[in-house]
Amino acid sequence: VTKLPEYETLAAKVDLTKYHTQIVEDHFNKRIILYKDPNGRAQYKT
């Protein structure tokens, strides 16, 4: 995920070292990613 184009924008707003990523959807026109805390609860969605 660090190589994805949206990573820089998100990293500037959120400390991503605290979260585990889960790509929920990745189609030709959009990508949805959940960022979960160590307890497995989603904290952010892009």
ModelCIF file with pLDDT and N, C-alpha, C, O atoms, coordinates in Angstrom:
data_MODEL
#
_entry.id   MODEL 
#
_entity.id                         1 
_entity.type                       polymer 
_entity.pdbx_number_of_molecules   1 
#
_entity_poly.entity_id                      1 
_entity_poly.type                           'polypeptide(L)' 
_entity_poly.nstd_linkage                   no 
_entity_poly.nstd_monomer                   no 
_entity_poly.pdbx_seq_one_letter_code       VTKLPEYETLAAKVDLTKYHTQIVEDHFNKRIILYKDPNGRAQYKT 
_entity_poly.pdbx_seq_one_letter_code_can   VTKLPEYETLAAKVDLTKYHTQIVEDHFNKRIILYKDPNGRAQYKT 
_entity_poly.pdbx_strand_id                 A 
#
loop_
_entity_poly_seq.entity_id 
_entity_poly_seq.num 
_entity_poly_seq.mon_id 
_entity_poly_seq.hetero 
1 1  VAL n 
1 2  THR n 
1 3  LYS n 
1 4  LEU n 
1 5  PRO n 
1 6  GLU n 
1 7  TYR n 
1 8  GLU n 
1 9  THR n 
1 10 LEU n 
1 11 ALA n 
1 12 ALA n 
1 13 LYS n 
1 14 VAL n 
1 15 ASP n 
1 16 LEU n 
1 17 THR n 
1 18 LYS n 
1 19 TYR n 
1 20 HIS n 
1 21 THR n 
1 22 GLN n 
1 23 ILE n 
1 24 VAL n 
1 25 GLU n 
1 26 ASP n 
1 27 HIS n 
1 28 PHE n 
1 29 ASN n 
1 30 LYS n 
1 31 ARG n 
1 32 ILE n 
1 33 ILE n 
1 34 LEU n 
1 35 TYR n 
1 36 LYS n 
1 37 ASP n 
1 38 PRO n 
1 39 ASN n 
1 40 GLY n 
1 41 ARG n 
1 42 ALA n 
1 43 GLN n 
1 44 TYR n 
1 45 LYS n 
1 46 THR n 
#
_struct_asym.id          A 
_struct_asym.entity_id   1 
#
loop_
_ma_qa_metric.id 
_ma_qa_metric.mode 
_ma_qa_metric.name 
_ma_qa_metric.software_group_id 
_ma_qa_metric.type 
1 global pLDDT . pLDDT 
2 local  pLDDT . pLDDT 
#
_ma_qa_metric_global.metric_id      1 
_ma_qa_metric_global.metric_value   88.41 
_ma_qa_metric_global.model_id       1 
_ma_qa_metric_global.ordinal_id     1 
#
loop_
_ma_qa_metric_local.label_asym_id 
_ma_qa_metric_local.label_comp_id 
_ma_qa_metric_local.label_seq_id 
_ma_qa_metric_local.metric_id 
_ma_qa_metric_local.metric_value 
_ma_qa_metric_local.model_id 
_ma_qa_metric_local.ordinal_id 
A VAL 1  2 81.00 1 1  
A THR 2  2 82.00 1 2  
A LYS 3  2 86.00 1 3  
A LEU 4  2 86.00 1 4  
A PRO 5  2 88.00 1 5  
A GLU 6  2 87.00 1 6  
A TYR 7  2 87.00 1 7  
A GLU 8  2 89.00 1 8  
A THR 9  2 89.00 1 9  
A LEU 10 2 88.00 1 10 
A ALA 11 2 89.00 1 11 
A ALA 12 2 90.00 1 12 
A LYS 13 2 90.00 1 13 
A VAL 14 2 88.00 1 14 
A ASP 15 2 87.00 1 15 
A LEU 16 2 84.00 1 16 
A THR 17 2 86.00 1 17 
A LYS 18 2 89.00 1 18 
A TYR 19 2 89.00 1 19 
A HIS 20 2 88.00 1 20 
A THR 21 2 88.00 1 21 
A GLN 22 2 88.00 1 22 
A ILE 23 2 87.00 1 23 
A VAL 24 2 88.00 1 24 
A GLU 25 2 86.00 1 25 
A ASP 26 2 86.00 1 26 
A HIS 27 2 85.00 1 27 
A PHE 28 2 86.00 1 28 
A ASN 29 2 89.00 1 29 
A LYS 30 2 90.00 1 30 
A ARG 31 2 89.00 1 31 
A ILE 32 2 91.00 1 32 
A ILE 33 2 90.00 1 33 
A LEU 34 2 91.00 1 34 
A TYR 35 2 91.00 1 35 
A LYS 36 2 91.00 1 36 
A ASP 37 2 89.00 1 37 
A PRO 38 2 90.00 1 38 
A ASN 39 2 91.00 1 39 
A GLY 40 2 88.00 1 40 
A ARG 41 2 91.00 1 41 
A ALA 42 2 91.00 1 42 
A GLN 43 2 92.00 1 43 
A TYR 44 2 92.00 1 44 
A LYS 45 2 92.00 1 45 
A THR 46 2 92.00 1 46 
#
loop_
_atom_site.group_PDB 
_atom_site.id 
_atom_site.type_symbol 
_atom_site.label_atom_id 
_atom_site.label_alt_id 
_atom_site.label_comp_id 
_atom_site.label_asym_id 
_atom_site.label_entity_id 
_atom_site.label_seq_id 
_atom_site.pdbx_PDB_ins_code 
_atom_site.Cartn_x 
_atom_site.Cartn_y 
_atom_site.Cartn_z 
_atom_site.occupancy 
_atom_site.B_iso_or_equiv 
_atom_site.pdbx_formal_charge 
_atom_site.auth_seq_id 
_atom_site.auth_comp_id 
_atom_site.auth_asym_id 
_atom_site.auth_atom_id 
_atom_site.pdbx_PDB_model_num 
ATOM 1   N N  . VAL A 1 1  ? 0.811   -1.216 0.000   1.00 81.00 ? 1  VAL A N  1 
ATOM 2   C CA . VAL A 1 1  ? 0.000   0.000  0.000   1.00 81.00 ? 1  VAL A CA 1 
ATOM 3   C C  . VAL A 1 1  ? 0.846   1.269  0.000   1.00 81.00 ? 1  VAL A C  1 
ATOM 4   O O  . VAL A 1 1  ? 0.347   2.335  -0.361  1.00 81.00 ? 1  VAL A O  1 
ATOM 5   N N  . THR A 1 2  ? 2.091   1.181  0.389   1.00 82.00 ? 2  THR A N  1 
ATOM 6   C CA . THR A 1 2  ? 2.943   2.373  0.377   1.00 82.00 ? 2  THR A CA 1 
ATOM 7   C C  . THR A 1 2  ? 3.246   2.837  -1.043  1.00 82.00 ? 2  THR A C  1 
ATOM 8   O O  . THR A 1 2  ? 3.656   3.979  -1.246  1.00 82.00 ? 2  THR A O  1 
ATOM 9   N N  . LYS A 1 3  ? 3.051   1.978  -2.008  1.00 86.00 ? 3  LYS A N  1 
ATOM 10  C CA . LYS A 1 3  ? 3.314   2.337  -3.400  1.00 86.00 ? 3  LYS A CA 1 
ATOM 11  C C  . LYS A 1 3  ? 2.058   2.817  -4.142  1.00 86.00 ? 3  LYS A C  1 
ATOM 12  O O  . LYS A 1 3  ? 2.129   3.175  -5.318  1.00 86.00 ? 3  LYS A O  1 
ATOM 13  N N  . LEU A 1 4  ? 0.928   2.824  -3.464  1.00 86.00 ? 4  LEU A N  1 
ATOM 14  C CA . LEU A 1 4  ? -0.315  3.284  -4.084  1.00 86.00 ? 4  LEU A CA 1 
ATOM 15  C C  . LEU A 1 4  ? -0.335  4.810  -4.173  1.00 86.00 ? 4  LEU A C  1 
ATOM 16  O O  . LEU A 1 4  ? 0.228   5.480  -3.307  1.00 86.00 ? 4  LEU A O  1 
ATOM 17  N N  . PRO A 1 5  ? -0.963  5.361  -5.188  1.00 88.00 ? 5  PRO A N  1 
ATOM 18  C CA . PRO A 1 5  ? -0.942  6.821  -5.365  1.00 88.00 ? 5  PRO A CA 1 
ATOM 19  C C  . PRO A 1 5  ? -1.616  7.600  -4.236  1.00 88.00 ? 5  PRO A C  1 
ATOM 20  O O  . PRO A 1 5  ? -1.237  8.745  -3.986  1.00 88.00 ? 5  PRO A O  1 
ATOM 21  N N  . GLU A 1 6  ? -2.580  7.033  -3.560  1.00 87.00 ? 6  GLU A N  1 
ATOM 22  C CA . GLU A 1 6  ? -3.273  7.751  -2.495  1.00 87.00 ? 6  GLU A CA 1 
ATOM 23  C C  . GLU A 1 6  ? -2.541  7.698  -1.158  1.00 87.00 ? 6  GLU A C  1 
ATOM 24  O O  . GLU A 1 6  ? -2.955  8.356  -0.203  1.00 87.00 ? 6  GLU A O  1 
ATOM 25  N N  . TYR A 1 7  ? -1.466  6.928  -1.079  1.00 87.00 ? 7  TYR A N  1 
ATOM 26  C CA . TYR A 1 7  ? -0.769  6.727  0.194   1.00 87.00 ? 7  TYR A CA 1 
ATOM 27  C C  . TYR A 1 7  ? -0.181  8.028  0.750   1.00 87.00 ? 7  TYR A C  1 
ATOM 28  O O  . TYR A 1 7  ? -0.293  8.286  1.949   1.00 87.00 ? 7  TYR A O  1 
ATOM 29  N N  . GLU A 1 8  ? 0.432   8.833  -0.086  1.00 89.00 ? 8  GLU A N  1 
ATOM 30  C CA . GLU A 1 8  ? 1.062   10.074 0.385   1.00 89.00 ? 8  GLU A CA 1 
ATOM 31  C C  . GLU A 1 8  ? 0.045   11.017 1.014   1.00 89.00 ? 8  GLU A C  1 
ATOM 32  O O  . GLU A 1 8  ? 0.298   11.606 2.065   1.00 89.00 ? 8  GLU A O  1 
ATOM 33  N N  . THR A 1 9  ? -1.095  11.155 0.369   1.00 89.00 ? 9  THR A N  1 
ATOM 34  C CA . THR A 1 9  ? -2.140  12.034 0.894   1.00 89.00 ? 9  THR A CA 1 
ATOM 35  C C  . THR A 1 9  ? -2.629  11.540 2.246   1.00 89.00 ? 9  THR A C  1 
ATOM 36  O O  . THR A 1 9  ? -2.802  12.328 3.175   1.00 89.00 ? 9  THR A O  1 
ATOM 37  N N  . LEU A 1 10 ? -2.848  10.249 2.356   1.00 88.00 ? 10 LEU A N  1 
ATOM 38  C CA . LEU A 1 10 ? -3.331  9.677  3.606   1.00 88.00 ? 10 LEU A CA 1 
ATOM 39  C C  . LEU A 1 10 ? -2.278  9.749  4.700   1.00 88.00 ? 10 LEU A C  1 
ATOM 40  O O  . LEU A 1 10 ? -2.597  10.056 5.849   1.00 88.00 ? 10 LEU A O  1 
ATOM 41  N N  . ALA A 1 11 ? -1.035  9.472  4.360   1.00 89.00 ? 11 ALA A N  1 
ATOM 42  C CA . ALA A 1 11 ? 0.045   9.489  5.351   1.00 89.00 ? 11 ALA A CA 1 
ATOM 43  C C  . ALA A 1 11 ? 0.251   10.882 5.931   1.00 89.00 ? 11 ALA A C  1 
ATOM 44  O O  . ALA A 1 11 ? 0.693   11.014 7.073   1.00 89.00 ? 11 ALA A O  1 
ATOM 45  N N  . ALA A 1 12 ? -0.059  11.917 5.169   1.00 90.00 ? 12 ALA A N  1 
ATOM 46  C CA . ALA A 1 12 ? 0.058   13.280 5.672   1.00 90.00 ? 12 ALA A CA 1 
ATOM 47  C C  . ALA A 1 12 ? -1.019  13.591 6.710   1.00 90.00 ? 12 ALA A C  1 
ATOM 48  O O  . ALA A 1 12 ? -0.822  14.467 7.552   1.00 90.00 ? 12 ALA A O  1 
ATOM 49  N N  . LYS A 1 13 ? -2.136  12.900 6.667   1.00 90.00 ? 13 LYS A N  1 
ATOM 50  C CA . LYS A 1 13 ? -3.263  13.170 7.574   1.00 90.00 ? 13 LYS A CA 1 
ATOM 51  C C  . LYS A 1 13 ? -3.347  12.191 8.751   1.00 90.00 ? 13 LYS A C  1 
ATOM 52  O O  . LYS A 1 13 ? -3.825  12.551 9.826   1.00 90.00 ? 13 LYS A O  1 
ATOM 53  N N  . VAL A 1 14 ? -2.877  10.944 8.543   1.00 88.00 ? 14 VAL A N  1 
ATOM 54  C CA . VAL A 1 14 ? -3.064  9.886  9.536   1.00 88.00 ? 14 VAL A CA 1 
ATOM 55  C C  . VAL A 1 14 ? -1.737  9.171  9.780   1.00 88.00 ? 14 VAL A C  1 
ATOM 56  O O  . VAL A 1 14 ? -0.970  8.943  8.844   1.00 88.00 ? 14 VAL A O  1 
ATOM 57  N N  . ASP A 1 15 ? -1.466  8.818  11.041  1.00 87.00 ? 15 ASP A N  1 
ATOM 58  C CA . ASP A 1 15 ? -0.279  8.020  11.366  1.00 87.00 ? 15 ASP A CA 1 
ATOM 59  C C  . ASP A 1 15 ? -0.580  6.559  11.025  1.00 87.00 ? 15 ASP A C  1 
ATOM 60  O O  . ASP A 1 15 ? -1.219  5.858  11.810  1.00 87.00 ? 15 ASP A O  1 
ATOM 61  N N  . LEU A 1 16 ? -0.130  6.109  9.880   1.00 84.00 ? 16 LEU A N  1 
ATOM 62  C CA . LEU A 1 16 ? -0.487  4.793  9.364   1.00 84.00 ? 16 LEU A CA 1 
ATOM 63  C C  . LEU A 1 16 ? 0.311   3.656  10.000  1.00 84.00 ? 16 LEU A C  1 
ATOM 64  O O  . LEU A 1 16 ? 0.001   2.489  9.762   1.00 84.00 ? 16 LEU A O  1 
ATOM 65  N N  . THR A 1 17 ? 1.315   3.961  10.791  1.00 86.00 ? 17 THR A N  1 
ATOM 66  C CA . THR A 1 17 ? 2.090   2.894  11.432  1.00 86.00 ? 17 THR A CA 1 
ATOM 67  C C  . THR A 1 17 ? 1.273   2.164  12.491  1.00 86.00 ? 17 THR A C  1 
ATOM 68  O O  . THR A 1 17 ? 1.638   1.064  12.904  1.00 86.00 ? 17 THR A O  1 
ATOM 69  N N  . LYS A 1 18 ? 0.164   2.769  12.937  1.00 89.00 ? 18 LYS A N  1 
ATOM 70  C CA . LYS A 1 18 ? -0.672  2.166  13.974  1.00 89.00 ? 18 LYS A CA 1 
ATOM 71  C C  . LYS A 1 18 ? -1.720  1.215  13.419  1.00 89.00 ? 18 LYS A C  1 
ATOM 72  O O  . LYS A 1 18 ? -2.385  0.518  14.186  1.00 89.00 ? 18 LYS A O  1 
ATOM 73  N N  . TYR A 1 19 ? -1.881  1.172  12.101  1.00 89.00 ? 19 TYR A N  1 
ATOM 74  C CA . TYR A 1 19 ? -3.019  0.463  11.520  1.00 89.00 ? 19 TYR A CA 1 
ATOM 75  C C  . TYR A 1 19 ? -2.600  -0.625 10.541  1.00 89.00 ? 19 TYR A C  1 
ATOM 76  O O  . TYR A 1 19 ? -1.566  -0.539 9.878   1.00 89.00 ? 19 TYR A O  1 
ATOM 77  N N  . HIS A 1 20 ? -3.436  -1.642 10.477  1.00 88.00 ? 20 HIS A N  1 
ATOM 78  C CA . HIS A 1 20 ? -3.299  -2.737 9.512   1.00 88.00 ? 20 HIS A CA 1 
ATOM 79  C C  . HIS A 1 20 ? -4.255  -2.446 8.363   1.00 88.00 ? 20 HIS A C  1 
ATOM 80  O O  . HIS A 1 20 ? -5.395  -2.046 8.600   1.00 88.00 ? 20 HIS A O  1 
ATOM 81  N N  . THR A 1 21 ? -3.817  -2.638 7.134   1.00 88.00 ? 21 THR A N  1 
ATOM 82  C CA . THR A 1 21 ? -4.669  -2.318 5.987   1.00 88.00 ? 21 THR A CA 1 
ATOM 83  C C  . THR A 1 21 ? -5.397  -3.545 5.470   1.00 88.00 ? 21 THR A C  1 
ATOM 84  O O  . THR A 1 21 ? -4.885  -4.664 5.519   1.00 88.00 ? 21 THR A O  1 
ATOM 85  N N  . GLN A 1 22 ? -6.604  -3.310 4.973   1.00 88.00 ? 22 GLN A N  1 
ATOM 86  C CA . GLN A 1 22 ? -7.391  -4.352 4.320   1.00 88.00 ? 22 GLN A CA 1 
ATOM 87  C C  . GLN A 1 22 ? -8.034  -3.726 3.094   1.00 88.00 ? 22 GLN A C  1 
ATOM 88  O O  . GLN A 1 22 ? -8.855  -2.816 3.209   1.00 88.00 ? 22 GLN A O  1 
ATOM 89  N N  . ILE A 1 23 ? -7.659  -4.215 1.928   1.00 87.00 ? 23 ILE A N  1 
ATOM 90  C CA . ILE A 1 23 ? -8.261  -3.727 0.694   1.00 87.00 ? 23 ILE A CA 1 
ATOM 91  C C  . ILE A 1 23 ? -9.606  -4.422 0.537   1.00 87.00 ? 23 ILE A C  1 
ATOM 92  O O  . ILE A 1 23 ? -9.680  -5.639 0.368   1.00 87.00 ? 23 ILE A O  1 
ATOM 93  N N  . VAL A 1 24 ? -10.668 -3.623 0.595   1.00 88.00 ? 24 VAL A N  1 
ATOM 94  C CA . VAL A 1 24 ? -12.018 -4.157 0.525   1.00 88.00 ? 24 VAL A CA 1 
ATOM 95  C C  . VAL A 1 24 ? -12.448 -4.323 -0.919  1.00 88.00 ? 24 VAL A C  1 
ATOM 96  O O  . VAL A 1 24 ? -13.079 -5.318 -1.277  1.00 88.00 ? 24 VAL A O  1 
ATOM 97  N N  . GLU A 1 25 ? -12.107 -3.351 -1.743  1.00 86.00 ? 25 GLU A N  1 
ATOM 98  C CA . GLU A 1 25 ? -12.560 -3.348 -3.135  1.00 86.00 ? 25 GLU A CA 1 
ATOM 99  C C  . GLU A 1 25 ? -11.501 -2.655 -3.978  1.00 86.00 ? 25 GLU A C  1 
ATOM 100 O O  . GLU A 1 25 ? -10.980 -1.609 -3.591  1.00 86.00 ? 25 GLU A O  1 
ATOM 101 N N  . ASP A 1 26 ? -11.188 -3.228 -5.115  1.00 86.00 ? 26 ASP A N  1 
ATOM 102 C CA . ASP A 1 26 ? -10.244 -2.609 -6.037  1.00 86.00 ? 26 ASP A CA 1 
ATOM 103 C C  . ASP A 1 26 ? -10.689 -2.924 -7.457  1.00 86.00 ? 26 ASP A C  1 
ATOM 104 O O  . ASP A 1 26 ? -10.403 -3.992 -7.999  1.00 86.00 ? 26 ASP A O  1 
ATOM 105 N N  . HIS A 1 27 ? -11.395 -1.968 -8.041  1.00 85.00 ? 27 HIS A N  1 
ATOM 106 C CA . HIS A 1 27 ? -11.905 -2.123 -9.398  1.00 85.00 ? 27 HIS A CA 1 
ATOM 107 C C  . HIS A 1 27 ? -11.164 -1.177 -10.318 1.00 85.00 ? 27 HIS A C  1 
ATOM 108 O O  . HIS A 1 27 ? -10.252 -0.471 -9.889  1.00 85.00 ? 27 HIS A O  1 
ATOM 109 N N  . PHE A 1 28 ? -11.549 -1.162 -11.569 1.00 86.00 ? 28 PHE A N  1 
ATOM 110 C CA . PHE A 1 28 ? -10.872 -0.317 -12.535 1.00 86.00 ? 28 PHE A CA 1 
ATOM 111 C C  . PHE A 1 28 ? -11.096 1.165  -12.253 1.00 86.00 ? 28 PHE A C  1 
ATOM 112 O O  . PHE A 1 28 ? -10.297 1.990  -12.696 1.00 86.00 ? 28 PHE A O  1 
ATOM 113 N N  . ASN A 1 29 ? -12.153 1.529  -11.534 1.00 89.00 ? 29 ASN A N  1 
ATOM 114 C CA . ASN A 1 29 ? -12.422 2.942  -11.315 1.00 89.00 ? 29 ASN A CA 1 
ATOM 115 C C  . ASN A 1 29 ? -12.268 3.402  -9.865  1.00 89.00 ? 29 ASN A C  1 
ATOM 116 O O  . ASN A 1 29 ? -12.125 4.601  -9.628  1.00 89.00 ? 29 ASN A O  1 
ATOM 117 N N  . LYS A 1 30 ? -12.292 2.499  -8.895  1.00 90.00 ? 30 LYS A N  1 
ATOM 118 C CA . LYS A 1 30 ? -12.129 2.926  -7.507  1.00 90.00 ? 30 LYS A CA 1 
ATOM 119 C C  . LYS A 1 30 ? -11.499 1.831  -6.647  1.00 90.00 ? 30 LYS A C  1 
ATOM 120 O O  . LYS A 1 30 ? -11.537 0.643  -6.969  1.00 90.00 ? 30 LYS A O  1 
ATOM 121 N N  . ARG A 1 31 ? -10.907 2.299  -5.517  1.00 89.00 ? 31 ARG A N  1 
ATOM 122 C CA . ARG A 1 31 ? -10.297 1.379  -4.560  1.00 89.00 ? 31 ARG A CA 1 
ATOM 123 C C  . ARG A 1 31 ? -10.754 1.816  -3.165  1.00 89.00 ? 31 ARG A C  1 
ATOM 124 O O  . ARG A 1 31 ? -10.713 3.001  -2.835  1.00 89.00 ? 31 ARG A O  1 
ATOM 125 N N  . ILE A 1 32 ? -11.185 0.855  -2.355  1.00 91.00 ? 32 ILE A N  1 
ATOM 126 C CA . ILE A 1 32 ? -11.609 1.133  -0.990  1.00 91.00 ? 32 ILE A CA 1 
ATOM 127 C C  . ILE A 1 32 ? -10.708 0.328  -0.051  1.00 91.00 ? 32 ILE A C  1 
ATOM 128 O O  . ILE A 1 32 ? -10.559 -0.885 -0.193  1.00 91.00 ? 32 ILE A O  1 
ATOM 129 N N  . ILE A 1 33 ? -10.113 1.039  0.910   1.00 90.00 ? 33 ILE A N  1 
ATOM 130 C CA . ILE A 1 33 ? -9.205  0.407  1.862   1.00 90.00 ? 33 ILE A CA 1 
ATOM 131 C C  . ILE A 1 33 ? -9.665  0.745  3.275   1.00 90.00 ? 33 ILE A C  1 
ATOM 132 O O  . ILE A 1 33 ? -10.004 1.892  3.569   1.00 90.00 ? 33 ILE A O  1 
ATOM 133 N N  . LEU A 1 34 ? -9.675  -0.265 4.153   1.00 91.00 ? 34 LEU A N  1 
ATOM 134 C CA . LEU A 1 34 ? -9.953  -0.067 5.575   1.00 91.00 ? 34 LEU A CA 1 
ATOM 135 C C  . LEU A 1 34 ? -8.634  -0.091 6.330   1.00 91.00 ? 34 LEU A C  1 
ATOM 136 O O  . LEU A 1 34 ? -7.737  -0.873 6.014   1.00 91.00 ? 34 LEU A O  1 
ATOM 137 N N  . TYR A 1 35 ? -8.528  0.770  7.325   1.00 91.00 ? 35 TYR A N  1 
ATOM 138 C CA . TYR A 1 35 ? -7.359  0.804  8.200   1.00 91.00 ? 35 TYR A CA 1 
ATOM 139 C C  . TYR A 1 35 ? -7.837  0.419  9.593   1.00 91.00 ? 35 TYR A C  1 
ATOM 140 O O  . TYR A 1 35 ? -8.619  1.137  10.216  1.00 91.00 ? 35 TYR A O  1 
ATOM 141 N N  . LYS A 1 36 ? -7.348  -0.744 10.079  1.00 91.00 ? 36 LYS A N  1 
ATOM 142 C CA . LYS A 1 36 ? -7.828  -1.305 11.337  1.00 91.00 ? 36 LYS A CA 1 
ATOM 143 C C  . LYS A 1 36 ? -6.780  -1.170 12.432  1.00 91.00 ? 36 LYS A C  1 
ATOM 144 O O  . LYS A 1 36 ? -5.578  -1.247 12.179  1.00 91.00 ? 36 LYS A O  1 
ATOM 145 N N  . ASP A 1 37 ? -7.263  -0.968 13.655  1.00 89.00 ? 37 ASP A N  1 
ATOM 146 C CA . ASP A 1 37 ? -6.371  -0.888 14.811  1.00 89.00 ? 37 ASP A CA 1 
ATOM 147 C C  . ASP A 1 37 ? -5.958  -2.307 15.236  1.00 89.00 ? 37 ASP A C  1 
ATOM 148 O O  . ASP A 1 37 ? -6.459  -3.279 14.671  1.00 89.00 ? 37 ASP A O  1 
ATOM 149 N N  . PRO A 1 38 ? -5.059  -2.445 16.215  1.00 90.00 ? 38 PRO A N  1 
ATOM 150 C CA . PRO A 1 38 ? -4.622  -3.792 16.631  1.00 90.00 ? 38 PRO A CA 1 
ATOM 151 C C  . PRO A 1 38 ? -5.751  -4.685 17.145  1.00 90.00 ? 38 PRO A C  1 
ATOM 152 O O  . PRO A 1 38 ? -5.613  -5.908 17.148  1.00 90.00 ? 38 PRO A O  1 
ATOM 153 N N  . ASN A 1 39 ? -6.866  -4.094 17.580  1.00 91.00 ? 39 ASN A N  1 
ATOM 154 C CA . ASN A 1 39 ? -8.012  -4.873 18.046  1.00 91.00 ? 39 ASN A CA 1 
ATOM 155 C C  . ASN A 1 39 ? -8.892  -5.362 16.893  1.00 91.00 ? 39 ASN A C  1 
ATOM 156 O O  . ASN A 1 39 ? -9.853  -6.098 17.117  1.00 91.00 ? 39 ASN A O  1 
ATOM 157 N N  . GLY A 1 40 ? -8.570  -4.959 15.668  1.00 88.00 ? 40 GLY A N  1 
ATOM 158 C CA . GLY A 1 40 ? -9.330  -5.396 14.507  1.00 88.00 ? 40 GLY A CA 1 
ATOM 159 C C  . GLY A 1 40 ? -10.506 -4.501 14.149  1.00 88.00 ? 40 GLY A C  1 
ATOM 160 O O  . GLY A 1 40 ? -11.270 -4.823 13.239  1.00 88.00 ? 40 GLY A O  1 
ATOM 161 N N  . ARG A 1 41 ? -10.665 -3.381 14.850  1.00 91.00 ? 41 ARG A N  1 
ATOM 162 C CA . ARG A 1 41 ? -11.757 -2.456 14.544  1.00 91.00 ? 41 ARG A CA 1 
ATOM 163 C C  . ARG A 1 41 ? -11.306 -1.433 13.511  1.00 91.00 ? 41 ARG A C  1 
ATOM 164 O O  . ARG A 1 41 ? -10.225 -0.854 13.626  1.00 91.00 ? 41 ARG A O  1 
ATOM 165 N N  . ALA A 1 42 ? -12.135 -1.217 12.511  1.00 91.00 ? 42 ALA A N  1 
ATOM 166 C CA . ALA A 1 42 ? -11.808 -0.255 11.463  1.00 91.00 ? 42 ALA A CA 1 
ATOM 167 C C  . ALA A 1 42 ? -11.854 1.161  12.037  1.00 91.00 ? 42 ALA A C  1 
ATOM 168 O O  . ALA A 1 42 ? -12.835 1.547  12.673  1.00 91.00 ? 42 ALA A O  1 
ATOM 169 N N  . GLN A 1 43 ? -10.797 1.926  11.810  1.00 92.00 ? 43 GLN A N  1 
ATOM 170 C CA . GLN A 1 43 ? -10.721 3.298  12.304  1.00 92.00 ? 43 GLN A CA 1 
ATOM 171 C C  . GLN A 1 43 ? -10.840 4.317  11.165  1.00 92.00 ? 43 GLN A C  1 
ATOM 172 O O  . GLN A 1 43 ? -11.402 5.398  11.340  1.00 92.00 ? 43 GLN A O  1 
ATOM 173 N N  . TYR A 1 44 ? -10.301 3.953  9.998   1.00 92.00 ? 44 TYR A N  1 
ATOM 174 C CA . TYR A 1 44 ? -10.366 4.829  8.833   1.00 92.00 ? 44 TYR A CA 1 
ATOM 175 C C  . TYR A 1 44 ? -10.760 4.021  7.608   1.00 92.00 ? 44 TYR A C  1 
ATOM 176 O O  . TYR A 1 44 ? -10.533 2.814  7.526   1.00 92.00 ? 44 TYR A O  1 
ATOM 177 N N  . LYS A 1 45 ? -11.352 4.724  6.669   1.00 92.00 ? 45 LYS A N  1 
ATOM 178 C CA . LYS A 1 45 ? -11.721 4.122  5.388   1.00 92.00 ? 45 LYS A CA 1 
ATOM 179 C C  . LYS A 1 45 ? -11.350 5.141  4.318   1.00 92.00 ? 45 LYS A C  1 
ATOM 180 O O  . LYS A 1 45 ? -11.674 6.323  4.433   1.00 92.00 ? 45 LYS A O  1 
ATOM 181 N N  . THR A 1 46 ? -10.670 4.672  3.279   1.00 92.00 ? 46 THR A N  1 
ATOM 182 C CA . THR A 1 46 ? -10.359 5.567  2.169   1.00 92.00 ? 46 THR A CA 1 
ATOM 183 C C  . THR A 1 46 ? -11.049 5.073  0.909   1.00 92.00 ? 46 THR A C  1 
ATOM 184 O O  . THR A 1 46 ? -10.917 5.688  -0.149  1.00 92.00 ? 46 THR A O  1 
#
